[in-house]
């Protein structure tokens, strides 16, 4: 996975109060971070640490990982589609045609043996 740094111009950062345990610090200080990637609309909310700076760093890291994962999945999808198209367009080789015909003849003989004689 190729994680690249995110340009500040593409990010919107909102600070919020964290929920859960933490007492007065949680109720009073906005340590939570909501980081939004503007071009894609992908967002990450981090309230893991007591420090806003640590939460900001974590949010940037998680957002970069999300975007990299999304990019990798899109690349894999494109490669898969190209591979499917390549296989669809491929002409069968002579050997594969021969194998198919042999299998058809074998199946035909097998079914022919099952048929009863019609001279009753």
PDB file of N, CA and C in Angstrom:
ATOM      1  N   UNK A   1       0.849  -1.172   0.000  1.00  0.00           N
ATOM      2  CA  UNK A   1       0.000   0.000   0.000  1.00  0.00           C
ATOM      3  C   UNK A   1       0.896   1.236   0.000  1.00  0.00           C
ATOM      4  N   UNK A   2       0.648   2.136  -0.911  1.00  0.00           N
ATOM      5  CA  UNK A   2       1.445   3.340  -1.046  1.00  0.00           C
ATOM      6  C   UNK A   2       0.737   4.501  -0.350  1.00  0.00           C
ATOM      7  N   UNK A   3       1.228   4.883   0.844  1.00  0.00           N
ATOM      8  CA  UNK A   3       0.603   5.966   1.609  1.00  0.00           C
ATOM      9  C   UNK A   3       1.356   7.258   1.316  1.00  0.00           C
ATOM     10  N   UNK A   4       0.648   8.220   0.735  1.00  0.00           N
ATOM     11  CA  UNK A   4       1.269   9.497   0.406  1.00  0.00           C
ATOM     12  C   UNK A   4       0.763  10.565   1.374  1.00  0.00           C
ATOM     13  N   UNK A   5       1.573  11.608   1.614  1.00  0.00           N
ATOM     14  CA  UNK A   5       1.109  12.687   2.497  1.00  0.00           C
ATOM     15  C   UNK A   5      -0.056  13.439   1.860  1.00  0.00           C
ATOM     16  N   UNK A   6      -0.956  13.908   2.708  1.00  0.00           N
ATOM     17  CA  UNK A   6      -2.153  14.599   2.222  1.00  0.00           C
ATOM     18  C   UNK A   6      -1.920  16.110   2.205  1.00  0.00           C
ATOM     19  N   UNK A   7      -2.244  16.779   1.095  1.00  0.00           N
ATOM     20  CA  UNK A   7      -2.109  18.238   1.042  1.00  0.00           C
ATOM     21  C   UNK A   7      -3.129  18.906   1.970  1.00  0.00           C
ATOM     22  N   UNK A   8      -2.686  19.917   2.675  1.00  0.00           N
ATOM     23  CA  UNK A   8      -3.553  20.623   3.631  1.00  0.00           C
ATOM     24  C   UNK A   8      -4.777  21.232   2.947  1.00  0.00           C
ATOM     25  N   UNK A   9      -4.629  21.650   1.695  1.00  0.00           N
ATOM     26  CA  UNK A   9      -5.738  22.296   0.980  1.00  0.00           C
ATOM     27  C   UNK A   9      -6.905  21.336   0.760  1.00  0.00           C
ATOM     28  N   UNK A  10      -6.636  20.028   0.761  1.00  0.00           N
ATOM     29  CA  UNK A  10      -7.685  19.033   0.519  1.00  0.00           C
ATOM     30  C   UNK A  10      -8.362  18.559   1.803  1.00  0.00           C
ATOM     31  N   UNK A  11      -7.943  19.109   2.952  1.00  0.00           N
ATOM     32  CA  UNK A  11      -8.456  18.629   4.236  1.00  0.00           C
ATOM     33  C   UNK A  11      -9.279  19.691   4.950  1.00  0.00           C
ATOM     34  N   UNK A  12     -10.299  19.233   5.644  1.00  0.00           N
ATOM     35  CA  UNK A  12     -11.066  20.099   6.541  1.00  0.00           C
ATOM     36  C   UNK A  12     -11.008  19.445   7.911  1.00  0.00           C
ATOM     37  N   UNK A  13     -10.603  20.207   8.897  1.00  0.00           N
ATOM     38  CA  UNK A  13     -10.396  19.662  10.235  1.00  0.00           C
ATOM     39  C   UNK A  13     -11.373  20.320  11.206  1.00  0.00           C
ATOM     40  N   UNK A  14     -12.095  19.480  11.946  1.00  0.00           N
ATOM     41  CA  UNK A  14     -13.055  19.974  12.926  1.00  0.00           C
ATOM     42  C   UNK A  14     -12.689  19.358  14.266  1.00  0.00           C
ATOM     43  N   UNK A  15     -12.653  20.185  15.302  1.00  0.00           N
ATOM     44  CA  UNK A  15     -12.348  19.676  16.642  1.00  0.00           C
ATOM     45  C   UNK A  15     -13.641  19.533  17.415  1.00  0.00           C
ATOM     46  N   UNK A  16     -13.727  18.444  18.177  1.00  0.00           N
ATOM     47  CA  UNK A  16     -14.949  18.164  18.914  1.00  0.00           C
ATOM     48  C   UNK A  16     -14.616  17.548  20.260  1.00  0.00           C
ATOM     49  N   UNK A  17     -15.591  17.564  21.133  1.00  0.00           N
ATOM     50  CA  UNK A  17     -15.389  16.957  22.445  1.00  0.00           C
ATOM     51  C   UNK A  17     -15.559  15.453  22.315  1.00  0.00           C
ATOM     52  N   UNK A  18     -14.653  14.747  22.943  1.00  0.00           N
ATOM     53  CA  UNK A  18     -14.699  13.284  22.888  1.00  0.00           C
ATOM     54  C   UNK A  18     -15.806  12.779  23.797  1.00  0.00           C
ATOM     55  N   UNK A  19     -16.271  11.566  23.527  1.00  0.00           N
ATOM     56  CA  UNK A  19     -17.271  10.952  24.402  1.00  0.00           C
ATOM     57  C   UNK A  19     -16.594   9.857  25.210  1.00  0.00           C
ATOM     58  N   UNK A  20     -17.302   9.336  26.172  1.00  0.00           N
ATOM     59  CA  UNK A  20     -16.764   8.228  26.957  1.00  0.00           C
ATOM     60  C   UNK A  20     -16.028   8.695  28.193  1.00  0.00           C
ATOM     61  N   UNK A  21     -15.225   7.800  28.792  1.00  0.00           N
ATOM     62  CA  UNK A  21     -14.537   8.125  30.035  1.00  0.00           C
ATOM     63  C   UNK A  21     -13.460   9.187  29.824  1.00  0.00           C
ATOM     64  N   UNK A  22     -13.139   9.897  30.876  1.00  0.00           N
ATOM     65  CA  UNK A  22     -12.120  10.934  30.799  1.00  0.00           C
ATOM     66  C   UNK A  22     -12.427  12.083  31.729  1.00  0.00           C
ATOM     67  N   UNK A  23     -13.593  12.040  32.343  1.00  0.00           N
ATOM     68  CA  UNK A  23     -13.941  13.032  33.357  1.00  0.00           C
ATOM     69  C   UNK A  23     -14.038  14.438  32.819  1.00  0.00           C
ATOM     70  N   UNK A  24     -13.554  15.361  33.636  1.00  0.00           N
ATOM     71  CA  UNK A  24     -13.681  16.780  33.323  1.00  0.00           C
ATOM     72  C   UNK A  24     -12.954  17.139  32.027  1.00  0.00           C
ATOM     73  N   UNK A  25     -11.817  16.493  31.765  1.00  0.00           N
ATOM     74  CA  UNK A  25     -11.045  16.791  30.553  1.00  0.00           C
ATOM     75  C   UNK A  25     -11.891  16.553  29.300  1.00  0.00           C
ATOM     76  N   UNK A  26     -12.629  15.447  29.282  1.00  0.00           N
ATOM     77  CA  UNK A  26     -13.458  15.106  28.118  1.00  0.00           C
ATOM     78  C   UNK A  26     -14.598  16.101  27.960  1.00  0.00           C
ATOM     79  N   UNK A  27     -15.179  16.519  29.059  1.00  0.00           N
ATOM     80  CA  UNK A  27     -16.329  17.415  29.011  1.00  0.00           C
ATOM     81  C   UNK A  27     -15.949  18.853  28.661  1.00  0.00           C
ATOM     82  N   UNK A  28     -14.700  19.209  28.888  1.00  0.00           N
ATOM     83  CA  UNK A  28     -14.289  20.598  28.816  1.00  0.00           C
ATOM     84  C   UNK A  28     -13.409  20.931  27.597  1.00  0.00           C
ATOM     85  N   UNK A  29     -12.578  19.980  27.189  1.00  0.00           N
ATOM     86  CA  UNK A  29     -11.569  20.259  26.165  1.00  0.00           C
ATOM     87  C   UNK A  29     -11.923  19.527  24.867  1.00  0.00           C
ATOM     88  N   UNK A  30     -11.793  20.229  23.745  1.00  0.00           N
ATOM     89  CA  UNK A  30     -12.083  19.612  22.449  1.00  0.00           C
ATOM     90  C   UNK A  30     -10.844  18.896  21.919  1.00  0.00           C
ATOM     91  N   UNK A  31     -10.676  17.646  22.346  1.00  0.00           N
ATOM     92  CA  UNK A  31      -9.503  16.873  21.939  1.00  0.00           C
ATOM     93  C   UNK A  31      -9.792  15.964  20.751  1.00  0.00           C
ATOM     94  N   UNK A  32     -11.044  15.693  20.481  1.00  0.00           N
ATOM     95  CA  UNK A  32     -11.396  14.831  19.349  1.00  0.00           C
ATOM     96  C   UNK A  32     -11.209  15.560  18.029  1.00  0.00           C
ATOM     97  N   UNK A  33     -10.925  14.791  16.981  1.00  0.00           N
ATOM     98  CA  UNK A  33     -10.681  15.381  15.666  1.00  0.00           C
ATOM     99  C   UNK A  33     -11.544  14.679  14.624  1.00  0.00           C
ATOM    100  N   UNK A  34     -12.220  15.480  13.809  1.00  0.00           N
ATOM    101  CA  UNK A  34     -12.941  14.966  12.648  1.00  0.00           C
ATOM    102  C   UNK A  34     -12.215  15.523  11.434  1.00  0.00           C
ATOM    103  N   UNK A  35     -11.611  14.636  10.646  1.00  0.00           N
ATOM    104  CA  UNK A  35     -10.824  15.045   9.489  1.00  0.00           C
ATOM    105  C   UNK A  35     -11.559  14.600   8.230  1.00  0.00           C
ATOM    106  N   UNK A  36     -11.821  15.553   7.329  1.00  0.00           N
ATOM    107  CA  UNK A  36     -12.588  15.269   6.114  1.00  0.00           C
ATOM    108  C   UNK A  36     -11.711  15.542   4.897  1.00  0.00           C
ATOM    109  N   UNK A  37     -11.656  14.566   3.985  1.00  0.00           N
ATOM    110  CA  UNK A  37     -10.950  14.746   2.714  1.00  0.00           C
ATOM    111  C   UNK A  37     -11.968  15.335   1.743  1.00  0.00           C
ATOM    112  N   UNK A  38     -11.808  16.591   1.395  1.00  0.00           N
ATOM    113  CA  UNK A  38     -12.812  17.334   0.630  1.00  0.00           C
ATOM    114  C   UNK A  38     -13.104  16.722  -0.751  1.00  0.00           C
ATOM    115  N   UNK A  39     -12.094  16.353  -1.557  1.00  0.00           N
ATOM    116  CA  UNK A  39     -12.412  15.821  -2.894  1.00  0.00           C
ATOM    117  C   UNK A  39     -13.243  14.537  -2.885  1.00  0.00           C
ATOM    118  N   UNK A  40     -13.010  13.658  -1.906  1.00  0.00           N
ATOM    119  CA  UNK A  40     -13.731  12.376  -1.892  1.00  0.00           C
ATOM    120  C   UNK A  40     -14.870  12.340  -0.889  1.00  0.00           C
ATOM    121  N   UNK A  41     -14.827  13.214   0.119  1.00  0.00           N
ATOM    122  CA  UNK A  41     -15.858  13.201   1.153  1.00  0.00           C
ATOM    123  C   UNK A  41     -15.617  12.162   2.231  1.00  0.00           C
ATOM    124  N   UNK A  42     -14.491  11.468   2.180  1.00  0.00           N
ATOM    125  CA  UNK A  42     -14.168  10.460   3.195  1.00  0.00           C
ATOM    126  C   UNK A  42     -13.773  11.177   4.476  1.00  0.00           C
ATOM    127  N   UNK A  43     -14.299  10.689   5.605  1.00  0.00           N
ATOM    128  CA  UNK A  43     -13.985  11.335   6.875  1.00  0.00           C
ATOM    129  C   UNK A  43     -13.512  10.309   7.897  1.00  0.00           C
ATOM    130  N   UNK A  44     -12.752  10.811   8.872  1.00  0.00           N
ATOM    131  CA  UNK A  44     -12.238   9.988   9.962  1.00  0.00           C
ATOM    132  C   UNK A  44     -12.457  10.753  11.258  1.00  0.00           C
ATOM    133  N   UNK A  45     -12.984  10.068  12.255  1.00  0.00           N
ATOM    134  CA  UNK A  45     -13.204  10.680  13.568  1.00  0.00           C
ATOM    135  C   UNK A  45     -12.325   9.955  14.573  1.00  0.00           C
ATOM    136  N   UNK A  46     -11.456  10.697  15.265  1.00  0.00           N
ATOM    137  CA  UNK A  46     -10.524  10.090  16.218  1.00  0.00           C
ATOM    138  C   UNK A  46     -10.662  10.770  17.571  1.00  0.00           C
ATOM    139  N   UNK A  47     -10.920   9.945  18.587  1.00  0.00           N
ATOM    140  CA  UNK A  47     -10.986  10.445  19.968  1.00  0.00           C
ATOM    141  C   UNK A  47     -10.240   9.482  20.889  1.00  0.00           C
ATOM    142  N   UNK A  48      -9.215   8.812  20.353  1.00  0.00           N
ATOM    143  CA  UNK A  48      -8.518   7.769  21.107  1.00  0.00           C
ATOM    144  C   UNK A  48      -7.656   8.312  22.241  1.00  0.00           C
ATOM    145  N   UNK A  49      -6.982   9.428  21.989  1.00  0.00           N
ATOM    146  CA  UNK A  49      -6.006   9.950  22.953  1.00  0.00           C
ATOM    147  C   UNK A  49      -6.572  11.151  23.711  1.00  0.00           C
ATOM    148  N   UNK A  50      -5.888  11.501  24.807  1.00  0.00           N
ATOM    149  CA  UNK A  50      -6.295  12.667  25.595  1.00  0.00           C
ATOM    150  C   UNK A  50      -5.782  13.960  24.971  1.00  0.00           C
ATOM    151  N   UNK A  51      -4.784  13.832  24.120  1.00  0.00           N
ATOM    152  CA  UNK A  51      -4.151  15.000  23.525  1.00  0.00           C
ATOM    153  C   UNK A  51      -4.698  15.265  22.122  1.00  0.00           C
ATOM    154  N   UNK A  52      -4.990  16.531  21.844  1.00  0.00           N
ATOM    155  CA  UNK A  52      -5.496  16.900  20.526  1.00  0.00           C
ATOM    156  C   UNK A  52      -4.434  16.668  19.453  1.00  0.00           C
ATOM    157  N   UNK A  53      -3.187  16.958  19.765  1.00  0.00           N
ATOM    158  CA  UNK A  53      -2.103  16.785  18.792  1.00  0.00           C
ATOM    159  C   UNK A  53      -1.955  15.317  18.389  1.00  0.00           C
ATOM    160  N   UNK A  54      -2.046  14.420  19.371  1.00  0.00           N
ATOM    161  CA  UNK A  54      -1.944  12.987  19.062  1.00  0.00           C
ATOM    162  C   UNK A  54      -3.136  12.530  18.223  1.00  0.00           C
ATOM    163  N   UNK A  55      -4.316  13.020  18.556  1.00  0.00           N
ATOM    164  CA  UNK A  55      -5.509  12.666  17.781  1.00  0.00           C
ATOM    165  C   UNK A  55      -5.425  13.200  16.348  1.00  0.00           C
ATOM    166  N   UNK A  56      -4.856  14.395  16.180  1.00  0.00           N
ATOM    167  CA  UNK A  56      -4.688  14.952  14.835  1.00  0.00           C
ATOM    168  C   UNK A  56      -3.760  14.077  14.005  1.00  0.00           C
ATOM    169  N   UNK A  57      -2.646  13.665  14.611  1.00  0.00           N
ATOM    170  CA  UNK A  57      -1.683  12.817  13.894  1.00  0.00           C
ATOM    171  C   UNK A  57      -2.319  11.475  13.528  1.00  0.00           C
ATOM    172  N   UNK A  58      -3.058  10.894  14.481  1.00  0.00           N
ATOM    173  CA  UNK A  58      -3.738   9.615  14.223  1.00  0.00           C
ATOM    174  C   UNK A  58      -4.774   9.757  13.106  1.00  0.00           C
ATOM    175  N   UNK A  59      -5.509  10.857  13.125  1.00  0.00           N
ATOM    176  CA  UNK A  59      -6.544  11.077  12.111  1.00  0.00           C
ATOM    177  C   UNK A  59      -5.919  11.179  10.723  1.00  0.00           C
ATOM    178  N   UNK A  60      -4.824  11.913  10.610  1.00  0.00           N
ATOM    179  CA  UNK A  60      -4.149  12.042   9.315  1.00  0.00           C
ATOM    180  C   UNK A  60      -3.642  10.682   8.824  1.00  0.00           C
ATOM    181  N   UNK A  61      -3.076   9.916   9.746  1.00  0.00           N
ATOM    182  CA  UNK A  61      -2.552   8.595   9.384  1.00  0.00           C
ATOM    183  C   UNK A  61      -3.688   7.680   8.909  1.00  0.00           C
ATOM    184  N   UNK A  62      -4.791   7.654   9.644  1.00  0.00           N
ATOM    185  CA  UNK A  62      -5.918   6.779   9.291  1.00  0.00           C
ATOM    186  C   UNK A  62      -6.576   7.199   7.977  1.00  0.00           C
ATOM    187  N   UNK A  63      -6.686   8.509   7.769  1.00  0.00           N
ATOM    188  CA  UNK A  63      -7.278   8.991   6.523  1.00  0.00           C
ATOM    189  C   UNK A  63      -6.387   8.627   5.334  1.00  0.00           C
ATOM    190  N   UNK A  64      -5.072   8.791   5.504  1.00  0.00           N
ATOM    191  CA  UNK A  64      -4.139   8.429   4.431  1.00  0.00           C
ATOM    192  C   UNK A  64      -4.234   6.937   4.123  1.00  0.00           C
ATOM    193  N   UNK A  65      -4.361   6.104   5.169  1.00  0.00           N
ATOM    194  CA  UNK A  65      -4.493   4.656   4.968  1.00  0.00           C
ATOM    195  C   UNK A  65      -5.791   4.325   4.230  1.00  0.00           C
ATOM    196  N   UNK A  66      -6.882   4.996   4.620  1.00  0.00           N
ATOM    197  CA  UNK A  66      -8.173   4.766   3.958  1.00  0.00           C
ATOM    198  C   UNK A  66      -8.096   5.112   2.478  1.00  0.00           C
ATOM    199  N   UNK A  67      -7.501   6.261   2.181  1.00  0.00           N
ATOM    200  CA  UNK A  67      -7.393   6.697   0.787  1.00  0.00           C
ATOM    201  C   UNK A  67      -6.490   5.763  -0.013  1.00  0.00           C
ATOM    202  N   UNK A  68      -5.387   5.309   0.598  1.00  0.00           N
ATOM    203  CA  UNK A  68      -4.481   4.386  -0.089  1.00  0.00           C
ATOM    204  C   UNK A  68      -5.180   3.060  -0.361  1.00  0.00           C
ATOM    205  N   UNK A  69      -5.949   2.573   0.621  1.00  0.00           N
ATOM    206  CA  UNK A  69      -6.682   1.314   0.457  1.00  0.00           C
ATOM    207  C   UNK A  69      -7.711   1.450  -0.673  1.00  0.00           C
ATOM    208  N   UNK A  70      -8.378   2.591  -0.703  1.00  0.00           N
ATOM    209  CA  UNK A  70      -9.382   2.836  -1.748  1.00  0.00           C
ATOM    210  C   UNK A  70      -8.729   2.860  -3.131  1.00  0.00           C
ATOM    211  N   UNK A  71      -7.567   3.507  -3.207  1.00  0.00           N
ATOM    212  CA  UNK A  71      -6.826   3.583  -4.461  1.00  0.00           C
ATOM    213  C   UNK A  71      -6.374   2.192  -4.915  1.00  0.00           C
ATOM    214  N   UNK A  72      -5.862   1.393  -3.964  1.00  0.00           N
ATOM    215  CA  UNK A  72      -5.411   0.033  -4.284  1.00  0.00           C
ATOM    216  C   UNK A  72      -6.567  -0.832  -4.774  1.00  0.00           C
ATOM    217  N   UNK A  73      -7.722  -0.707  -4.124  1.00  0.00           N
ATOM    218  CA  UNK A  73      -8.889  -1.496  -4.537  1.00  0.00           C
ATOM    219  C   UNK A  73      -9.338  -1.100  -5.943  1.00  0.00           C
ATOM    220  N   UNK A  74      -9.309   0.194  -6.234  1.00  0.00           N
ATOM    221  CA  UNK A  74      -9.700   0.661  -7.570  1.00  0.00           C
ATOM    222  C   UNK A  74      -8.721   0.141  -8.618  1.00  0.00           C
ATOM    223  N   UNK A  75      -7.429   0.160  -8.288  1.00  0.00           N
ATOM    224  CA  UNK A  75      -6.416  -0.339  -9.218  1.00  0.00           C
ATOM    225  C   UNK A  75      -6.615  -1.834  -9.458  1.00  0.00           C
ATOM    226  N   UNK A  76      -6.864  -2.590  -8.388  1.00  0.00           N
ATOM    227  CA  UNK A  76      -7.078  -4.035  -8.512  1.00  0.00           C
ATOM    228  C   UNK A  76      -8.321  -4.322  -9.357  1.00  0.00           C
ATOM    229  N   UNK A  77      -9.366  -3.522  -9.174  1.00  0.00           N
ATOM    230  CA  UNK A  77     -10.591  -3.694  -9.960  1.00  0.00           C
ATOM    231  C   UNK A  77     -10.321  -3.461 -11.451  1.00  0.00           C
ATOM    232  N   UNK A  78      -9.547  -2.396 -11.752  1.00  0.00           N
ATOM    233  CA  UNK A  78      -9.220  -2.107 -13.153  1.00  0.00           C
ATOM    234  C   UNK A  78      -8.405  -3.236 -13.777  1.00  0.00           C
ATOM    235  N   UNK A  79      -7.415  -3.745 -13.038  1.00  0.00           N
ATOM    236  CA  UNK A  79      -6.583  -4.840 -13.543  1.00  0.00           C
ATOM    237  C   UNK A  79      -7.437  -6.074 -13.777  1.00  0.00           C
ATOM    238  N   UNK A  80      -8.343  -6.362 -12.850  1.00  0.00           N
ATOM    239  CA  UNK A  80      -9.224  -7.525 -12.973  1.00  0.00           C
ATOM    240  C   UNK A  80     -10.107  -7.401 -14.212  1.00  0.00           C
ATOM    241  N   UNK A  81     -10.678  -6.218 -14.426  1.00  0.00           N
ATOM    242  CA  UNK A  81     -11.528  -5.992 -15.596  1.00  0.00           C
ATOM    243  C   UNK A  81     -10.742  -6.164 -16.895  1.00  0.00           C
ATOM    244  N   UNK A  82      -9.511  -5.648 -16.918  1.00  0.00           N
ATOM    245  CA  UNK A  82      -8.685  -5.790 -18.115  1.00  0.00           C
ATOM    246  C   UNK A  82      -8.369  -7.261 -18.377  1.00  0.00           C
ATOM    247  N   UNK A  83      -8.085  -7.999 -17.317  1.00  0.00           N
ATOM    248  CA  UNK A  83      -7.783  -9.428 -17.449  1.00  0.00           C
ATOM    249  C   UNK A  83      -9.002 -10.188 -17.962  1.00  0.00           C
ATOM    250  N   UNK A  84     -10.179  -9.881 -17.441  1.00  0.00           N
ATOM    251  CA  UNK A  84     -11.406 -10.526 -17.920  1.00  0.00           C
ATOM    252  C   UNK A  84     -11.627 -10.239 -19.402  1.00  0.00           C
ATOM    253  N   UNK A  85     -11.446  -8.997 -19.790  1.00  0.00           N
ATOM    254  CA  UNK A  85     -11.630  -8.607 -21.187  1.00  0.00           C
ATOM    255  C   UNK A  85     -10.634  -9.337 -22.082  1.00  0.00           C
ATOM    256  N   UNK A  86      -9.396  -9.437 -21.628  1.00  0.00           N
ATOM    257  CA  UNK A  86      -8.365 -10.122 -22.404  1.00  0.00           C
ATOM    258  C   UNK A  86      -8.739 -11.589 -22.601  1.00  0.00           C
ATOM    259  N   UNK A  87      -9.223 -12.222 -21.529  1.00  0.00           N
ATOM    260  CA  UNK A  87      -9.601 -13.633 -21.622  1.00  0.00           C
ATOM    261  C   UNK A  87     -10.823 -13.818 -22.516  1.00  0.00           C
ATOM    262  N   UNK A  88     -11.754 -12.887 -22.451  1.00  0.00           N
ATOM    263  CA  UNK A  88     -12.967 -12.979 -23.257  1.00  0.00           C
ATOM    264  C   UNK A  88     -12.645 -12.907 -24.748  1.00  0.00           C
ATOM    265  N   UNK A  89     -11.690 -12.088 -25.108  1.00  0.00           N
ATOM    266  CA  UNK A  89     -11.369 -11.862 -26.513  1.00  0.00           C
ATOM    267  C   UNK A  89     -10.426 -12.911 -27.095  1.00  0.00           C
ATOM    268  N   UNK A  90      -9.857 -13.741 -26.260  1.00  0.00           N
ATOM    269  CA  UNK A  90      -8.855 -14.684 -26.728  1.00  0.00           C
ATOM    270  C   UNK A  90      -9.477 -15.803 -27.562  1.00  0.00           C
ATOM    271  N   UNK A  91      -8.809 -16.153 -28.650  1.00  0.00           N
ATOM    272  CA  UNK A  91      -9.246 -17.250 -29.500  1.00  0.00           C
ATOM    273  C   UNK A  91      -8.733 -18.558 -28.894  1.00  0.00           C
ATOM    274  N   UNK A  92      -9.537 -19.612 -28.988  1.00  0.00           N
ATOM    275  CA  UNK A  92      -9.112 -20.901 -28.428  1.00  0.00           C
ATOM    276  C   UNK A  92      -7.984 -21.488 -29.265  1.00  0.00           C
ATOM    277  N   UNK A  93      -7.052 -22.145 -28.596  1.00  0.00           N
ATOM    278  CA  UNK A  93      -5.946 -22.768 -29.319  1.00  0.00           C
ATOM    279  C   UNK A  93      -6.427 -24.054 -29.986  1.00  0.00           C
ATOM    280  N   UNK A  94      -5.631 -24.535 -30.921  1.00  0.00           N
ATOM    281  CA  UNK A  94      -5.981 -25.763 -31.636  1.00  0.00           C
ATOM    282  C   UNK A  94      -6.074 -26.933 -30.656  1.00  0.00           C
ATOM    283  N   UNK A  95      -5.129 -27.003 -29.714  1.00  0.00           N
ATOM    284  CA  UNK A  95      -5.122 -28.101 -28.741  1.00  0.00           C
ATOM    285  C   UNK A  95      -6.383 -28.071 -27.879  1.00  0.00           C
ATOM    286  N   UNK A  96      -6.812 -26.873 -27.458  1.00  0.00           N
ATOM    287  CA  UNK A  96      -8.010 -26.811 -26.616  1.00  0.00           C
ATOM    288  C   UNK A  96      -9.250 -27.196 -27.422  1.00  0.00           C
ATOM    289  N   UNK A  97      -9.284 -26.822 -28.707  1.00  0.00           N
ATOM    290  CA  UNK A  97     -10.410 -27.234 -29.555  1.00  0.00           C
ATOM    291  C   UNK A  97     -10.452 -28.754 -29.683  1.00  0.00           C
ATOM    292  N   UNK A  98      -9.270 -29.368 -29.881  1.00  0.00           N
ATOM    293  CA  UNK A  98      -9.190 -30.829 -29.997  1.00  0.00           C
ATOM    294  C   UNK A  98      -9.681 -31.503 -28.717  1.00  0.00           C
ATOM    295  N   UNK A  99      -9.250 -30.966 -27.567  1.00  0.00           N
ATOM    296  CA  UNK A  99      -9.683 -31.535 -26.277  1.00  0.00           C
ATOM    297  C   UNK A  99     -11.192 -31.440 -26.136  1.00  0.00           C
ATOM    298  N   UNK A 100     -11.748 -30.290 -26.508  1.00  0.00           N
ATOM    299  CA  UNK A 100     -13.201 -30.125 -26.410  1.00  0.00           C
ATOM    300  C   UNK A 100     -13.927 -31.136 -27.289  1.00  0.00           C
ATOM    301  N   UNK A 101     -13.443 -31.328 -28.513  1.00  0.00           N
ATOM    302  CA  UNK A 101     -14.079 -32.277 -29.420  1.00  0.00           C
ATOM    303  C   UNK A 101     -13.975 -33.708 -28.892  1.00  0.00           C
ATOM    304  N   UNK A 102     -12.806 -34.064 -28.348  1.00  0.00           N
ATOM    305  CA  UNK A 102     -12.635 -35.409 -27.783  1.00  0.00           C
ATOM    306  C   UNK A 102     -13.606 -35.628 -26.629  1.00  0.00           C
ATOM    307  N   UNK A 103     -13.747 -34.614 -25.779  1.00  0.00           N
ATOM    308  CA  UNK A 103     -14.688 -34.728 -24.658  1.00  0.00           C
ATOM    309  C   UNK A 103     -16.121 -34.882 -25.170  1.00  0.00           C
ATOM    310  N   UNK A 104     -16.452 -34.150 -26.233  1.00  0.00           N
ATOM    311  CA  UNK A 104     -17.806 -34.262 -26.794  1.00  0.00           C
ATOM    312  C   UNK A 104     -18.049 -35.666 -27.357  1.00  0.00           C
ATOM    313  N   UNK A 105     -17.047 -36.218 -28.051  1.00  0.00           N
ATOM    314  CA  UNK A 105     -17.192 -37.570 -28.611  1.00  0.00           C
ATOM    315  C   UNK A 105     -17.333 -38.602 -27.496  1.00  0.00           C
ATOM    316  N   UNK A 106     -16.526 -38.433 -26.442  1.00  0.00           N
ATOM    317  CA  UNK A 106     -16.585 -39.357 -25.302  1.00  0.00           C
ATOM    318  C   UNK A 106     -17.970 -39.304 -24.652  1.00  0.00           C
ATOM    319  N   UNK A 107     -18.484 -38.106 -24.453  1.00  0.00           N
ATOM    320  CA  UNK A 107     -19.807 -37.932 -23.849  1.00  0.00           C
ATOM    321  C   UNK A 107     -20.887 -38.542 -24.754  1.00  0.00           C
ATOM    322  N   UNK A 108     -20.745 -38.349 -26.056  1.00  0.00           N
ATOM    323  CA  UNK A 108     -21.708 -38.888 -27.011  1.00  0.00           C
ATOM    324  C   UNK A 108     -21.731 -40.417 -26.959  1.00  0.00           C
ATOM    325  N   UNK A 109     -20.540 -41.041 -26.912  1.00  0.00           N
ATOM    326  CA  UNK A 109     -20.476 -42.507 -26.834  1.00  0.00           C
ATOM    327  C   UNK A 109     -21.110 -43.005 -25.543  1.00  0.00           C
ATOM    328  N   UNK A 110     -20.858 -42.294 -24.436  1.00  0.00           N
ATOM    329  CA  UNK A 110     -21.415 -42.685 -23.138  1.00  0.00           C
ATOM    330  C   UNK A 110     -22.941 -42.639 -23.183  1.00  0.00           C
ATOM    331  N   UNK A 111     -23.480 -41.566 -23.742  1.00  0.00           N
ATOM    332  CA  UNK A 111     -24.936 -41.443 -23.828  1.00  0.00           C
ATOM    333  C   UNK A 111     -25.511 -42.464 -24.808  1.00  0.00           C
ATOM    334  N   UNK A 112     -24.754 -42.740 -25.871  1.00  0.00           N
ATOM    335  CA  UNK A 112     -25.204 -43.729 -26.840  1.00  0.00           C
ATOM    336  C   UNK A 112     -25.313 -45.113 -26.223  1.00  0.00           C
ATOM    337  N   UNK A 113     -24.424 -45.434 -25.302  1.00  0.00           N
ATOM    338  CA  UNK A 113     -24.473 -46.732 -24.621  1.00  0.00           C
ATOM    339  C   UNK A 113     -25.697 -46.824 -23.719  1.00  0.00           C
ATOM    340  N   UNK A 114     -26.148 -45.714 -23.206  1.00  0.00           N
ATOM    341  CA  UNK A 114     -27.310 -45.716 -22.313  1.00  0.00           C
ATOM    342  C   UNK A 114     -28.601 -45.967 -23.080  1.00  0.00           C
ATOM    343  N   UNK A 115     -28.636 -45.521 -24.333  1.00  0.00           N
ATOM    344  CA  UNK A 115     -29.847 -45.683 -25.132  1.00  0.00           C
ATOM    345  C   UNK A 115     -30.098 -47.156 -25.413  1.00  0.00           C
ATOM    346  N   UNK A 116     -31.315 -47.508 -25.317  1.00  0.00           N
ATOM    347  CA  UNK A 116     -31.657 -48.891 -25.656  1.00  0.00           C
ATOM    348  C   UNK A 116     -31.796 -49.040 -27.158  1.00  0.00           C
ATOM    349  N   UNK A 117     -31.704 -50.254 -27.639  1.00  0.00           N
ATOM    350  CA  UNK A 117     -31.889 -50.504 -29.078  1.00  0.00           C
ATOM    351  C   UNK A 117     -33.362 -50.319 -29.413  1.00  0.00           C
ATOM    352  N   UNK A 118     -33.637 -49.728 -30.499  1.00  0.00           N
ATOM    353  CA  UNK A 118     -35.015 -49.438 -30.881  1.00  0.00           C
ATOM    354  C   UNK A 118     -35.650 -50.527 -31.727  1.00  0.00           C
ATOM    355  N   UNK A 119     -35.094 -51.779 -31.760  1.00  0.00           N
ATOM    356  CA  UNK A 119     -35.645 -52.809 -32.628  1.00  0.00           C
ATOM    357  C   UNK A 119     -36.471 -53.833 -31.856  1.00  0.00           C
ATOM    358  N   UNK A 120     -37.242 -53.431 -30.904  1.00  0.00           N
ATOM    359  CA  UNK A 120     -38.082 -54.362 -30.120  1.00  0.00           C
ATOM    360  C   UNK A 120     -39.216 -54.886 -30.914  1.00  0.00           C
TER     361      UNK A 120
END
